[in-house]
């Protein structure tokens, strides 16, 4: 199994075909607003039959509302959900939470990402940009192997397959690059997560 999480930002039927094809070849799947709008919340349950599911709603609300949303996707079979790091200190905590610390495109996160990873605790891990592996390397030095790092931005956004892993990520999140040609998952053969074997 390759240390890849496939981002299913595609139509429902195409997503279902793809997860059946890749179920034994990748570590999991990431689904977001587009697929949930098309397939309803039950799509989380459907796709979780084929592997680990990370729900990427980038939740950004007060803790009691954020926790209610997250609990709903976990109840449907997701392993975890992504929340915005700028909510700190008022963000959800727990083994099901990934905190977005820095995006793949320029944002105000560029000024605060390091403060986020230094201060946020009691979570599953962090989302850091795979198209900027130098930040992953810095983050891994700060975090050690206490938290997972998952990294989008591979392929269409400029990240090269494997560079984020070599910098210290546990999994690379890949969308269009693999969706357009599923055979490309073979490019991760032999690569290993830095610290954790499951997303």
N, C-alpha and C. Protein backbone atom coordinates (compact mmCIF):
# COMPACT_ATOMS: atom_id res chain seq x y z
N UNK A 1 0.84 -1.19 0.00
CA UNK A 1 0.00 0.00 0.00
C UNK A 1 0.88 1.25 0.00
N UNK A 2 0.55 2.19 -0.86
CA UNK A 2 1.35 3.40 -0.99
C UNK A 2 0.87 4.49 -0.02
N UNK A 3 1.79 5.34 0.47
CA UNK A 3 1.42 6.39 1.43
C UNK A 3 0.73 7.57 0.76
N UNK A 4 -0.37 7.28 0.09
CA UNK A 4 -1.13 8.26 -0.68
C UNK A 4 -2.57 8.28 -0.19
N UNK A 5 -3.11 9.48 -0.05
CA UNK A 5 -4.53 9.68 0.21
C UNK A 5 -5.09 10.37 -1.03
N UNK A 6 -6.05 9.74 -1.68
CA UNK A 6 -6.58 10.29 -2.93
C UNK A 6 -7.72 11.26 -2.62
N UNK A 7 -7.59 12.49 -3.11
CA UNK A 7 -8.63 13.52 -2.94
C UNK A 7 -9.69 13.31 -4.01
N UNK A 8 -10.90 13.03 -3.57
CA UNK A 8 -11.99 12.71 -4.48
C UNK A 8 -12.84 13.95 -4.77
N UNK A 9 -12.22 14.94 -5.38
CA UNK A 9 -12.94 16.16 -5.76
C UNK A 9 -13.47 15.97 -7.18
N UNK A 10 -14.33 14.96 -7.32
CA UNK A 10 -14.84 14.55 -8.62
C UNK A 10 -16.30 14.14 -8.47
N UNK A 11 -16.93 13.75 -9.55
CA UNK A 11 -18.33 13.36 -9.50
C UNK A 11 -18.51 12.07 -8.70
N UNK A 12 -19.71 11.86 -8.22
CA UNK A 12 -20.01 10.70 -7.38
C UNK A 12 -19.70 9.38 -8.07
N UNK A 13 -20.17 9.20 -9.29
CA UNK A 13 -19.96 7.94 -9.98
C UNK A 13 -18.48 7.69 -10.25
N UNK A 14 -17.76 8.73 -10.63
CA UNK A 14 -16.33 8.57 -10.87
C UNK A 14 -15.60 8.24 -9.57
N UNK A 15 -16.02 8.87 -8.48
CA UNK A 15 -15.39 8.60 -7.18
C UNK A 15 -15.59 7.15 -6.77
N UNK A 16 -16.78 6.63 -6.95
CA UNK A 16 -17.06 5.25 -6.57
C UNK A 16 -16.25 4.27 -7.41
N UNK A 17 -16.13 4.55 -8.70
CA UNK A 17 -15.29 3.69 -9.56
C UNK A 17 -13.84 3.73 -9.11
N UNK A 18 -13.36 4.92 -8.78
CA UNK A 18 -11.95 5.09 -8.42
C UNK A 18 -11.61 4.40 -7.11
N UNK A 19 -12.48 4.52 -6.11
CA UNK A 19 -12.16 3.89 -4.82
C UNK A 19 -12.15 2.37 -4.94
N UNK A 20 -12.99 1.82 -5.79
CA UNK A 20 -12.98 0.37 -6.00
C UNK A 20 -11.68 -0.06 -6.68
N UNK A 21 -11.18 0.77 -7.58
CA UNK A 21 -9.96 0.47 -8.31
C UNK A 21 -8.72 0.58 -7.42
N UNK A 22 -8.72 1.56 -6.50
CA UNK A 22 -7.51 1.88 -5.73
C UNK A 22 -7.53 1.36 -4.29
N UNK A 23 -8.55 0.69 -3.89
CA UNK A 23 -8.74 0.32 -2.48
C UNK A 23 -7.55 -0.40 -1.87
N UNK A 24 -6.86 -1.24 -2.62
CA UNK A 24 -5.72 -1.99 -2.09
C UNK A 24 -4.39 -1.29 -2.33
N UNK A 25 -4.42 -0.16 -3.05
CA UNK A 25 -3.18 0.48 -3.48
C UNK A 25 -2.83 1.75 -2.74
N UNK A 26 -3.80 2.36 -2.05
CA UNK A 26 -3.57 3.63 -1.37
C UNK A 26 -4.00 3.54 0.09
N UNK A 27 -3.55 4.53 0.88
CA UNK A 27 -3.83 4.51 2.32
C UNK A 27 -5.22 5.00 2.67
N UNK A 28 -5.86 5.73 1.76
CA UNK A 28 -7.20 6.23 2.06
C UNK A 28 -7.66 7.26 1.05
N UNK A 29 -8.77 7.89 1.41
CA UNK A 29 -9.42 8.84 0.52
C UNK A 29 -9.84 10.08 1.30
N UNK A 30 -9.81 11.21 0.62
CA UNK A 30 -10.27 12.47 1.22
C UNK A 30 -11.47 12.95 0.43
N UNK A 31 -12.54 13.26 1.15
CA UNK A 31 -13.73 13.78 0.48
C UNK A 31 -14.10 15.13 1.09
N UNK A 32 -14.67 15.99 0.24
CA UNK A 32 -15.01 17.33 0.68
C UNK A 32 -16.42 17.72 0.32
N UNK A 33 -16.65 19.02 0.30
CA UNK A 33 -17.99 19.56 0.09
C UNK A 33 -18.63 19.06 -1.20
N UNK A 34 -17.88 19.04 -2.29
CA UNK A 34 -18.46 18.71 -3.58
C UNK A 34 -19.11 17.33 -3.57
N UNK A 35 -18.40 16.34 -3.07
CA UNK A 35 -18.92 14.98 -3.05
C UNK A 35 -20.07 14.83 -2.05
N UNK A 36 -19.97 15.51 -0.92
CA UNK A 36 -21.05 15.43 0.07
C UNK A 36 -22.31 16.11 -0.45
N UNK A 37 -22.16 17.23 -1.16
CA UNK A 37 -23.34 17.86 -1.75
C UNK A 37 -24.00 16.95 -2.78
N UNK A 38 -23.20 16.22 -3.54
CA UNK A 38 -23.77 15.36 -4.57
C UNK A 38 -24.32 14.05 -4.00
N UNK A 39 -23.57 13.45 -3.07
CA UNK A 39 -23.97 12.13 -2.58
C UNK A 39 -24.64 12.12 -1.22
N UNK A 40 -24.69 13.28 -0.55
CA UNK A 40 -25.24 13.31 0.79
C UNK A 40 -24.24 12.77 1.80
N UNK A 41 -24.56 12.91 3.07
CA UNK A 41 -23.65 12.48 4.12
C UNK A 41 -23.40 10.98 4.07
N UNK A 42 -24.33 10.22 3.49
CA UNK A 42 -24.16 8.77 3.41
C UNK A 42 -22.98 8.37 2.52
N UNK A 43 -22.49 9.29 1.70
CA UNK A 43 -21.33 8.96 0.86
C UNK A 43 -20.10 8.67 1.71
N UNK A 44 -20.05 9.24 2.92
CA UNK A 44 -18.94 8.94 3.83
C UNK A 44 -18.95 7.45 4.16
N UNK A 45 -20.13 6.91 4.49
CA UNK A 45 -20.25 5.48 4.80
C UNK A 45 -19.90 4.62 3.61
N UNK A 46 -20.36 5.03 2.43
CA UNK A 46 -20.11 4.24 1.22
C UNK A 46 -18.61 4.14 0.92
N UNK A 47 -17.93 5.26 0.96
CA UNK A 47 -16.51 5.26 0.61
C UNK A 47 -15.66 4.63 1.72
N UNK A 48 -16.11 4.72 2.96
CA UNK A 48 -15.34 4.12 4.06
C UNK A 48 -15.32 2.60 3.97
N UNK A 49 -16.19 2.01 3.14
CA UNK A 49 -16.14 0.56 2.90
C UNK A 49 -14.87 0.17 2.16
N UNK A 50 -14.23 1.13 1.50
CA UNK A 50 -13.08 0.85 0.65
C UNK A 50 -11.76 1.36 1.22
N UNK A 51 -11.81 2.03 2.37
CA UNK A 51 -10.57 2.51 2.98
C UNK A 51 -10.81 3.64 3.95
N UNK A 52 -9.74 4.11 4.56
CA UNK A 52 -9.83 5.24 5.49
C UNK A 52 -10.36 6.47 4.78
N UNK A 53 -11.24 7.19 5.44
CA UNK A 53 -11.82 8.42 4.87
C UNK A 53 -11.53 9.60 5.78
N UNK A 54 -10.92 10.62 5.18
CA UNK A 54 -10.75 11.90 5.86
C UNK A 54 -11.76 12.86 5.24
N UNK A 55 -12.59 13.46 6.08
CA UNK A 55 -13.58 14.41 5.59
C UNK A 55 -13.01 15.81 5.72
N UNK A 56 -12.90 16.47 4.58
CA UNK A 56 -12.28 17.79 4.53
C UNK A 56 -13.35 18.87 4.31
N UNK A 57 -13.96 19.26 5.42
CA UNK A 57 -14.92 20.37 5.37
C UNK A 57 -14.28 21.66 5.86
N UNK A 58 -13.03 21.56 6.27
CA UNK A 58 -12.33 22.71 6.86
C UNK A 58 -13.26 23.45 7.82
N UNK A 59 -13.72 22.71 8.79
CA UNK A 59 -14.68 23.22 9.76
C UNK A 59 -14.09 24.45 10.46
N UNK A 60 -14.91 25.47 10.56
CA UNK A 60 -14.49 26.72 11.21
C UNK A 60 -15.67 27.32 11.94
N UNK A 61 -15.85 26.90 13.17
CA UNK A 61 -16.97 27.40 13.97
C UNK A 61 -16.63 27.27 15.44
N UNK A 62 -17.51 27.77 16.30
CA UNK A 62 -17.28 27.64 17.74
C UNK A 62 -17.26 26.16 18.09
N UNK A 63 -16.55 25.78 19.17
CA UNK A 63 -16.32 24.36 19.44
C UNK A 63 -17.56 23.49 19.49
N UNK A 64 -18.65 23.94 20.11
CA UNK A 64 -19.79 23.02 20.24
C UNK A 64 -20.45 22.75 18.90
N UNK A 65 -20.44 23.70 17.98
CA UNK A 65 -20.98 23.47 16.64
C UNK A 65 -20.00 22.61 15.83
N UNK A 66 -18.73 22.96 15.89
CA UNK A 66 -17.71 22.19 15.16
C UNK A 66 -17.73 20.73 15.58
N UNK A 67 -17.82 20.49 16.87
CA UNK A 67 -17.84 19.10 17.36
C UNK A 67 -19.06 18.35 16.88
N UNK A 68 -20.19 19.01 16.80
CA UNK A 68 -21.40 18.34 16.31
C UNK A 68 -21.25 17.92 14.86
N UNK A 69 -20.67 18.80 14.05
CA UNK A 69 -20.44 18.47 12.64
C UNK A 69 -19.45 17.30 12.53
N UNK A 70 -18.36 17.40 13.25
CA UNK A 70 -17.33 16.35 13.19
C UNK A 70 -17.89 15.01 13.65
N UNK A 71 -18.66 15.02 14.74
CA UNK A 71 -19.24 13.77 15.24
C UNK A 71 -20.14 13.10 14.21
N UNK A 72 -20.84 13.90 13.42
CA UNK A 72 -21.72 13.33 12.40
C UNK A 72 -20.93 12.58 11.33
N UNK A 73 -19.79 13.13 10.89
CA UNK A 73 -19.02 12.42 9.86
C UNK A 73 -18.29 11.21 10.45
N UNK A 74 -17.89 11.29 11.72
CA UNK A 74 -17.25 10.15 12.36
C UNK A 74 -18.27 9.01 12.52
N UNK A 75 -19.49 9.36 12.91
CA UNK A 75 -20.55 8.35 13.04
C UNK A 75 -20.83 7.64 11.72
N UNK A 76 -20.57 8.33 10.61
CA UNK A 76 -20.81 7.75 9.29
C UNK A 76 -19.63 6.92 8.79
N UNK A 77 -18.55 6.88 9.55
CA UNK A 77 -17.44 6.00 9.19
C UNK A 77 -16.13 6.67 8.86
N UNK A 78 -16.07 8.00 8.89
CA UNK A 78 -14.80 8.68 8.64
C UNK A 78 -13.83 8.42 9.79
N UNK A 79 -12.55 8.40 9.47
CA UNK A 79 -11.56 8.27 10.55
C UNK A 79 -11.34 9.61 11.21
N UNK A 80 -11.51 10.68 10.42
CA UNK A 80 -11.16 11.98 10.94
C UNK A 80 -11.68 13.11 10.05
N UNK A 81 -11.54 14.33 10.56
CA UNK A 81 -12.01 15.52 9.85
C UNK A 81 -10.98 16.62 9.99
N UNK A 82 -10.99 17.53 9.02
CA UNK A 82 -10.05 18.64 9.02
C UNK A 82 -10.74 19.91 9.49
N UNK A 83 -10.08 20.63 10.42
CA UNK A 83 -10.60 21.89 10.92
C UNK A 83 -9.57 22.99 10.67
N UNK A 84 -10.03 24.22 10.60
CA UNK A 84 -9.13 25.35 10.40
C UNK A 84 -8.32 25.65 11.66
N UNK A 85 -7.01 25.83 11.48
CA UNK A 85 -6.13 26.14 12.60
C UNK A 85 -6.32 27.51 13.18
N UNK A 86 -6.89 28.45 12.40
CA UNK A 86 -7.03 29.80 12.94
C UNK A 86 -8.06 29.87 14.06
N UNK A 87 -8.78 28.76 14.30
CA UNK A 87 -9.71 28.72 15.42
C UNK A 87 -9.01 28.69 16.78
N UNK A 88 -7.72 28.35 16.78
CA UNK A 88 -7.00 28.25 18.05
C UNK A 88 -7.10 29.56 18.83
N UNK A 89 -7.35 29.51 20.15
CA UNK A 89 -7.44 28.32 21.01
C UNK A 89 -8.81 27.67 21.07
N UNK A 90 -9.78 28.19 20.33
CA UNK A 90 -11.15 27.66 20.40
C UNK A 90 -11.42 26.64 19.30
N UNK A 91 -10.58 25.61 19.23
CA UNK A 91 -10.82 24.59 18.22
C UNK A 91 -11.05 23.23 18.87
N UNK A 92 -11.74 22.35 18.15
CA UNK A 92 -12.00 21.01 18.69
C UNK A 92 -10.70 20.25 18.90
N UNK A 93 -10.71 19.34 19.83
CA UNK A 93 -9.56 18.47 20.09
C UNK A 93 -10.01 17.03 19.96
N UNK A 94 -9.05 16.14 19.80
CA UNK A 94 -9.37 14.72 19.79
C UNK A 94 -8.63 13.96 18.72
N UNK A 95 -8.67 12.65 18.84
CA UNK A 95 -7.94 11.74 17.94
C UNK A 95 -8.50 11.77 16.52
N UNK A 96 -9.65 12.38 16.33
CA UNK A 96 -10.25 12.43 14.99
C UNK A 96 -10.00 13.76 14.27
N UNK A 97 -9.17 14.63 14.85
CA UNK A 97 -9.02 15.99 14.33
C UNK A 97 -7.67 16.21 13.67
N UNK A 98 -7.72 16.62 12.41
CA UNK A 98 -6.54 17.18 11.74
C UNK A 98 -6.72 18.69 11.69
N UNK A 99 -5.66 19.41 12.02
CA UNK A 99 -5.70 20.87 12.03
C UNK A 99 -4.94 21.40 10.81
N UNK A 100 -5.63 22.21 10.01
CA UNK A 100 -4.99 22.86 8.88
C UNK A 100 -4.08 23.96 9.43
N UNK A 101 -2.77 23.79 9.22
CA UNK A 101 -1.80 24.75 9.75
C UNK A 101 -1.27 25.69 8.68
N UNK A 102 -1.25 25.23 7.43
CA UNK A 102 -0.75 26.06 6.34
C UNK A 102 -1.33 25.54 5.04
N UNK A 103 -1.78 26.44 4.19
CA UNK A 103 -2.41 26.03 2.94
C UNK A 103 -1.38 25.94 1.81
N UNK A 104 -1.82 25.34 0.70
CA UNK A 104 -0.94 25.17 -0.45
C UNK A 104 -0.80 26.44 -1.28
N UNK A 105 -1.66 27.41 -1.04
CA UNK A 105 -1.62 28.71 -1.72
C UNK A 105 -1.37 29.79 -0.66
N UNK A 106 -0.89 30.97 -1.07
CA UNK A 106 -0.59 32.03 -0.09
C UNK A 106 -1.84 32.49 0.69
N UNK A 107 -1.70 32.56 2.01
CA UNK A 107 -2.77 33.04 2.89
C UNK A 107 -2.12 33.66 4.12
N UNK A 108 -2.94 34.15 5.04
CA UNK A 108 -2.42 34.66 6.31
C UNK A 108 -1.83 33.54 7.17
N UNK A 109 -2.15 32.29 6.83
CA UNK A 109 -1.51 31.18 7.54
C UNK A 109 0.01 31.25 7.43
N UNK A 110 0.50 31.84 6.35
CA UNK A 110 1.95 31.93 6.15
C UNK A 110 2.63 32.65 7.31
N UNK A 111 1.87 33.49 8.01
CA UNK A 111 2.43 34.25 9.12
C UNK A 111 2.27 33.56 10.47
N UNK A 112 1.38 32.60 10.56
CA UNK A 112 1.07 32.02 11.87
C UNK A 112 1.20 30.50 11.94
N UNK A 113 1.53 29.83 10.84
CA UNK A 113 1.50 28.37 10.84
C UNK A 113 2.39 27.76 11.92
N UNK A 114 3.55 28.35 12.14
CA UNK A 114 4.46 27.78 13.13
C UNK A 114 3.90 27.94 14.54
N UNK A 115 3.26 29.05 14.81
CA UNK A 115 2.61 29.23 16.12
C UNK A 115 1.52 28.19 16.32
N UNK A 116 0.80 27.87 15.25
CA UNK A 116 -0.26 26.86 15.35
C UNK A 116 0.32 25.51 15.75
N UNK A 117 1.35 25.05 15.04
CA UNK A 117 1.86 23.71 15.36
C UNK A 117 2.59 23.66 16.70
N UNK A 118 3.09 24.79 17.15
CA UNK A 118 3.76 24.82 18.45
C UNK A 118 2.77 24.83 19.61
N UNK A 119 1.54 25.30 19.37
CA UNK A 119 0.59 25.48 20.47
C UNK A 119 -0.57 24.51 20.49
N UNK A 120 -0.95 24.00 19.34
CA UNK A 120 -2.12 23.11 19.29
C UNK A 120 -1.69 21.70 19.68
N UNK A 121 -2.46 21.09 20.57
CA UNK A 121 -2.17 19.72 21.01
C UNK A 121 -3.43 18.91 21.13
N UNK A 122 -3.28 17.66 21.52
CA UNK A 122 -4.39 16.74 21.73
C UNK A 122 -5.24 16.57 20.47
N UNK A 123 -4.57 16.37 19.35
CA UNK A 123 -5.24 16.17 18.07
C UNK A 123 -4.56 14.98 17.37
N UNK A 124 -5.07 14.65 16.18
CA UNK A 124 -4.48 13.56 15.39
C UNK A 124 -3.24 14.02 14.64
N UNK A 125 -3.32 15.23 14.07
CA UNK A 125 -2.19 15.70 13.30
C UNK A 125 -2.47 17.01 12.60
N UNK A 126 -1.56 17.33 11.66
CA UNK A 126 -1.62 18.62 10.97
C UNK A 126 -1.63 18.44 9.46
N UNK A 127 -2.25 19.40 8.79
CA UNK A 127 -2.22 19.47 7.33
C UNK A 127 -1.23 20.56 6.95
N UNK A 128 -0.20 20.17 6.20
CA UNK A 128 0.83 21.10 5.76
C UNK A 128 1.09 20.88 4.26
N UNK A 129 1.49 21.91 3.53
CA UNK A 129 1.53 21.84 2.07
C UNK A 129 2.65 20.98 1.49
N UNK A 130 2.25 20.00 0.70
CA UNK A 130 3.22 19.14 0.05
C UNK A 130 3.99 19.82 -1.06
N UNK A 131 3.48 20.94 -1.54
CA UNK A 131 4.21 21.70 -2.57
C UNK A 131 5.20 22.68 -1.95
N UNK A 132 5.36 22.61 -0.63
CA UNK A 132 6.34 23.43 0.09
C UNK A 132 7.03 22.54 1.14
N UNK A 133 7.81 21.56 0.69
CA UNK A 133 8.36 20.57 1.62
C UNK A 133 9.29 21.16 2.69
N UNK A 134 9.83 22.34 2.43
CA UNK A 134 10.70 22.95 3.44
C UNK A 134 9.94 23.22 4.74
N UNK A 135 8.64 23.52 4.63
CA UNK A 135 7.83 23.76 5.82
C UNK A 135 7.52 22.45 6.55
N UNK A 136 7.37 21.39 5.79
CA UNK A 136 7.15 20.09 6.41
C UNK A 136 8.37 19.68 7.21
N UNK A 137 9.53 19.89 6.64
CA UNK A 137 10.77 19.55 7.34
C UNK A 137 10.89 20.33 8.65
N UNK A 138 10.58 21.61 8.61
CA UNK A 138 10.63 22.42 9.84
C UNK A 138 9.61 21.94 10.86
N UNK A 139 8.41 21.62 10.37
CA UNK A 139 7.35 21.15 11.27
C UNK A 139 7.73 19.84 11.93
N UNK A 140 8.31 18.92 11.16
CA UNK A 140 8.66 17.61 11.74
C UNK A 140 9.73 17.77 12.81
N UNK A 141 10.64 18.70 12.64
CA UNK A 141 11.66 18.94 13.67
C UNK A 141 11.01 19.46 14.95
N UNK A 142 9.98 20.28 14.81
CA UNK A 142 9.28 20.81 15.99
C UNK A 142 8.43 19.74 16.65
N UNK A 143 7.73 18.95 15.83
CA UNK A 143 6.74 18.00 16.35
C UNK A 143 7.34 16.66 16.77
N UNK A 144 8.49 16.31 16.21
CA UNK A 144 8.95 14.94 16.38
C UNK A 144 7.92 14.00 15.77
N UNK A 145 7.73 12.84 16.39
CA UNK A 145 6.72 11.90 15.88
C UNK A 145 5.47 11.88 16.76
N UNK A 146 5.18 13.02 17.39
CA UNK A 146 4.01 13.09 18.26
C UNK A 146 2.72 13.19 17.47
N UNK A 147 2.77 13.82 16.29
CA UNK A 147 1.56 14.01 15.48
C UNK A 147 1.81 13.63 14.02
N UNK A 148 0.74 13.22 13.37
CA UNK A 148 0.81 12.93 11.94
C UNK A 148 0.90 14.23 11.14
N UNK A 149 1.49 14.12 9.96
CA UNK A 149 1.47 15.21 8.98
C UNK A 149 0.95 14.65 7.67
N UNK A 150 -0.13 15.24 7.17
CA UNK A 150 -0.65 14.88 5.85
C UNK A 150 -0.50 16.11 4.95
N UNK A 151 -0.17 15.85 3.69
CA UNK A 151 0.27 16.96 2.83
C UNK A 151 -0.40 16.95 1.45
N UNK A 152 -1.28 17.94 1.21
CA UNK A 152 -1.85 18.12 -0.13
C UNK A 152 -0.91 18.96 -1.00
N UNK A 153 -1.34 19.18 -2.23
CA UNK A 153 -0.57 20.05 -3.12
C UNK A 153 0.38 19.30 -4.03
N UNK A 154 0.16 17.99 -4.19
CA UNK A 154 1.02 17.17 -5.03
C UNK A 154 0.44 17.09 -6.44
N UNK A 155 1.28 17.27 -7.43
CA UNK A 155 0.83 17.18 -8.81
C UNK A 155 0.44 18.52 -9.37
N UNK A 156 -0.86 18.74 -9.52
CA UNK A 156 -1.36 19.95 -10.18
C UNK A 156 -0.92 21.23 -9.48
N UNK A 157 -0.70 21.18 -8.17
CA UNK A 157 -0.30 22.37 -7.42
C UNK A 157 1.22 22.50 -7.27
N UNK A 158 1.96 21.65 -7.95
CA UNK A 158 3.40 21.82 -8.01
C UNK A 158 4.25 20.89 -7.18
N UNK A 159 3.65 20.20 -6.20
CA UNK A 159 4.43 19.27 -5.39
C UNK A 159 4.81 18.03 -6.19
N UNK A 160 6.03 17.57 -5.99
CA UNK A 160 6.51 16.37 -6.70
C UNK A 160 6.25 15.14 -5.84
N UNK A 161 5.75 14.05 -6.45
CA UNK A 161 5.50 12.83 -5.68
C UNK A 161 6.73 12.41 -4.86
N UNK A 162 6.50 12.21 -3.57
CA UNK A 162 7.55 11.75 -2.67
C UNK A 162 8.30 12.82 -1.93
N UNK A 163 8.30 14.05 -2.42
CA UNK A 163 9.10 15.10 -1.77
C UNK A 163 8.59 15.42 -0.36
N UNK A 164 7.29 15.46 -0.18
CA UNK A 164 6.74 15.74 1.15
C UNK A 164 7.06 14.61 2.12
N UNK A 165 6.97 13.38 1.64
CA UNK A 165 7.31 12.22 2.48
C UNK A 165 8.77 12.27 2.89
N UNK A 166 9.63 12.57 1.94
CA UNK A 166 11.06 12.64 2.25
C UNK A 166 11.36 13.78 3.22
N UNK A 167 10.51 14.81 3.23
CA UNK A 167 10.70 15.95 4.14
C UNK A 167 10.15 15.68 5.54
N UNK A 168 9.34 14.61 5.69
CA UNK A 168 8.82 14.28 7.01
C UNK A 168 7.33 14.06 7.10
N UNK A 169 6.61 14.13 5.99
CA UNK A 169 5.17 13.86 6.02
C UNK A 169 4.92 12.37 6.19
N UNK A 170 3.73 12.04 6.65
CA UNK A 170 3.32 10.64 6.75
C UNK A 170 2.56 10.19 5.51
N UNK A 171 1.77 11.10 4.94
CA UNK A 171 0.99 10.77 3.75
C UNK A 171 0.90 12.00 2.85
N UNK A 172 0.90 11.74 1.54
CA UNK A 172 0.68 12.80 0.57
C UNK A 172 -0.75 12.69 0.06
N UNK A 173 -1.41 13.83 -0.01
CA UNK A 173 -2.78 13.90 -0.53
C UNK A 173 -2.70 14.32 -1.99
N UNK A 174 -3.26 13.49 -2.86
CA UNK A 174 -3.13 13.71 -4.29
C UNK A 174 -4.51 13.64 -4.94
N UNK A 175 -4.84 14.67 -5.71
CA UNK A 175 -6.12 14.69 -6.41
C UNK A 175 -5.98 14.45 -7.89
N UNK A 176 -6.00 15.55 -8.65
CA UNK A 176 -6.03 15.46 -10.11
C UNK A 176 -4.94 14.58 -10.70
N UNK A 177 -3.77 14.59 -10.13
CA UNK A 177 -2.64 13.85 -10.68
C UNK A 177 -2.94 12.35 -10.76
N UNK A 178 -3.60 11.82 -9.74
CA UNK A 178 -3.97 10.40 -9.73
C UNK A 178 -5.33 10.17 -10.36
N UNK A 179 -6.25 11.10 -10.17
CA UNK A 179 -7.58 10.94 -10.76
C UNK A 179 -7.48 10.82 -12.29
N UNK A 180 -6.60 11.64 -12.88
CA UNK A 180 -6.45 11.62 -14.34
C UNK A 180 -5.78 10.34 -14.83
N UNK A 181 -4.95 9.73 -13.99
CA UNK A 181 -4.25 8.51 -14.36
C UNK A 181 -3.97 7.69 -13.11
N UNK A 182 -4.90 6.80 -12.71
CA UNK A 182 -4.74 6.03 -11.47
C UNK A 182 -3.45 5.20 -11.41
N UNK A 183 -2.88 4.86 -12.55
CA UNK A 183 -1.64 4.08 -12.54
C UNK A 183 -0.48 4.85 -11.90
N UNK A 184 -0.63 6.16 -11.79
CA UNK A 184 0.44 6.97 -11.19
C UNK A 184 0.68 6.67 -9.73
N UNK A 185 -0.21 5.97 -9.05
CA UNK A 185 0.04 5.63 -7.64
C UNK A 185 1.30 4.79 -7.51
N UNK A 186 1.70 4.14 -8.59
CA UNK A 186 2.92 3.33 -8.56
C UNK A 186 4.16 4.19 -8.30
N UNK A 187 4.07 5.50 -8.54
CA UNK A 187 5.21 6.39 -8.30
C UNK A 187 5.59 6.48 -6.82
N UNK A 188 4.69 6.06 -5.95
CA UNK A 188 4.95 6.09 -4.51
C UNK A 188 5.45 4.74 -3.98
N UNK A 189 5.60 3.77 -4.86
CA UNK A 189 6.05 2.45 -4.44
C UNK A 189 7.42 2.56 -3.76
N UNK A 190 7.51 1.95 -2.59
CA UNK A 190 8.78 1.96 -1.85
C UNK A 190 8.93 3.11 -0.89
N UNK A 191 8.08 4.13 -1.00
CA UNK A 191 8.13 5.26 -0.06
C UNK A 191 7.37 4.90 1.20
N UNK A 192 7.81 5.45 2.33
CA UNK A 192 7.20 5.12 3.61
C UNK A 192 6.83 6.38 4.38
N UNK A 193 5.79 6.29 5.22
CA UNK A 193 5.46 7.42 6.11
C UNK A 193 6.61 7.71 7.07
N UNK A 194 6.73 8.97 7.47
CA UNK A 194 7.81 9.35 8.39
C UNK A 194 7.62 8.72 9.77
N UNK A 195 6.38 8.70 10.27
CA UNK A 195 6.15 8.26 11.64
C UNK A 195 4.98 7.29 11.82
N UNK A 196 3.88 7.51 11.10
CA UNK A 196 2.65 6.76 11.35
C UNK A 196 2.26 5.94 10.11
N UNK A 197 1.76 4.74 10.34
CA UNK A 197 1.39 3.85 9.24
C UNK A 197 -0.06 3.97 8.80
N UNK A 198 -0.86 4.72 9.54
CA UNK A 198 -2.26 4.92 9.16
C UNK A 198 -2.56 6.42 9.16
N UNK A 199 -3.40 6.85 8.20
CA UNK A 199 -3.74 8.28 8.19
C UNK A 199 -4.64 8.68 9.34
